[in-house]
């Protein structure tokens, strides 16, 4: 089981780099995928997998909040993996 988790971790890391490179390229997704030689459906598949992984990780660390007034602020820590999803 550990080998499968390690493989998935490697793949997620690789595709997080691809998504980050797309964001930095300034190209639309279709043009970026063509320029780097990946299929557009691969891009979207791994984008979904990365989002799911981030959501799973956040579920365990989500603080419980009962009420926030309009003047309240909460610190939010964002990992580099999460930044890859900003579009």
Protein backbone atom coordinates (compact mmCIF):
# COMPACT_ATOMS: atom_id res chain seq x y z
CA UNK A 1 0.00 0.00 0.00
CA UNK A 2 2.84 2.41 0.76
CA UNK A 3 4.20 2.05 -2.79
CA UNK A 4 0.84 3.09 -4.21
CA UNK A 5 0.70 6.12 -1.92
CA UNK A 6 4.26 7.10 -2.86
CA UNK A 7 3.47 6.77 -6.56
CA UNK A 8 0.34 8.89 -6.23
CA UNK A 9 2.27 11.49 -4.22
CA UNK A 10 4.91 11.67 -6.95
CA UNK A 11 2.29 12.04 -9.67
CA UNK A 12 0.40 14.71 -7.74
CA UNK A 13 3.63 16.63 -7.24
CA UNK A 14 4.50 16.36 -10.93
CA UNK A 15 1.08 17.57 -12.04
CA UNK A 16 1.05 20.37 -9.46
CA UNK A 17 4.17 21.65 -11.25
CA UNK A 18 2.40 21.36 -14.61
CA UNK A 19 -0.60 23.33 -13.35
CA UNK A 20 1.66 25.98 -11.84
CA UNK A 21 3.61 26.26 -15.10
CA UNK A 22 0.34 26.70 -16.99
CA UNK A 23 -0.69 29.53 -14.67
CA UNK A 24 2.65 31.26 -15.13
CA UNK A 25 2.57 30.80 -18.92
CA UNK A 26 -0.35 33.15 -19.47
CA UNK A 27 -1.73 30.80 -22.14
CA UNK A 28 -5.18 29.31 -22.15
CA UNK A 29 -5.29 25.64 -21.17
CA UNK A 30 -5.72 24.30 -24.69
CA UNK A 31 -2.71 26.21 -26.05
CA UNK A 32 -0.57 25.37 -23.04
CA UNK A 33 -1.32 21.66 -23.35
CA UNK A 34 -0.46 21.72 -27.05
CA UNK A 35 2.78 23.59 -26.37
CA UNK A 36 4.02 21.08 -23.78
CA UNK A 37 2.70 17.95 -25.49
CA UNK A 38 0.04 16.79 -23.07
CA UNK A 39 -3.59 16.02 -23.79
CA UNK A 40 -6.12 18.50 -22.51
CA UNK A 41 -8.14 15.70 -20.86
CA UNK A 42 -5.02 14.69 -18.89
CA UNK A 43 -4.71 18.23 -17.60
CA UNK A 44 -8.31 18.30 -16.39
CA UNK A 45 -8.08 14.80 -14.90
CA UNK A 46 -5.06 15.72 -12.78
CA UNK A 47 -6.49 19.12 -11.89
CA UNK A 48 -9.48 17.28 -10.43
CA UNK A 49 -7.24 14.79 -8.59
CA UNK A 50 -5.17 17.62 -7.09
CA UNK A 51 -8.27 19.47 -5.94
CA UNK A 52 -9.60 16.30 -4.32
CA UNK A 53 -6.28 15.74 -2.55
CA UNK A 54 -6.25 19.30 -1.21
CA UNK A 55 -9.86 18.99 -0.03
CA UNK A 56 -9.10 15.71 1.75
CA UNK A 57 -6.11 17.27 3.46
CA UNK A 58 -8.11 20.31 4.50
CA UNK A 59 -10.99 18.26 5.92
CA UNK A 60 -8.80 17.01 8.73
CA UNK A 61 -7.45 20.44 9.63
CA UNK A 62 -10.54 22.61 9.18
CA UNK A 63 -11.20 24.70 12.30
CA UNK A 64 -14.69 24.65 13.77
CA UNK A 65 -16.31 28.07 13.70
CA UNK A 66 -19.69 28.82 15.15
CA UNK A 67 -20.00 32.49 14.30
CA UNK A 68 -17.90 35.26 12.82
CA UNK A 69 -18.96 38.87 12.86
CA UNK A 70 -18.37 41.01 9.79
CA UNK A 71 -15.35 42.59 11.51
CA UNK A 72 -13.66 39.26 12.35
CA UNK A 73 -10.71 37.89 10.47
CA UNK A 74 -9.23 34.42 10.38
CA UNK A 75 -5.72 33.55 9.27
CA UNK A 76 -5.69 31.10 6.34
CA UNK A 77 -2.52 29.23 5.47
CA UNK A 78 -2.24 28.30 1.79
CA UNK A 79 0.23 25.72 0.56
CA UNK A 80 2.02 25.94 -2.82
CA UNK A 81 -0.16 23.04 -3.98
CA UNK A 82 -3.28 25.07 -3.30
CA UNK A 83 -1.85 28.04 -5.18
CA UNK A 84 -1.61 25.87 -8.27
CA UNK A 85 -5.41 25.84 -8.40
CA UNK A 86 -5.89 29.57 -8.57
CA UNK A 87 -7.23 30.46 -12.00
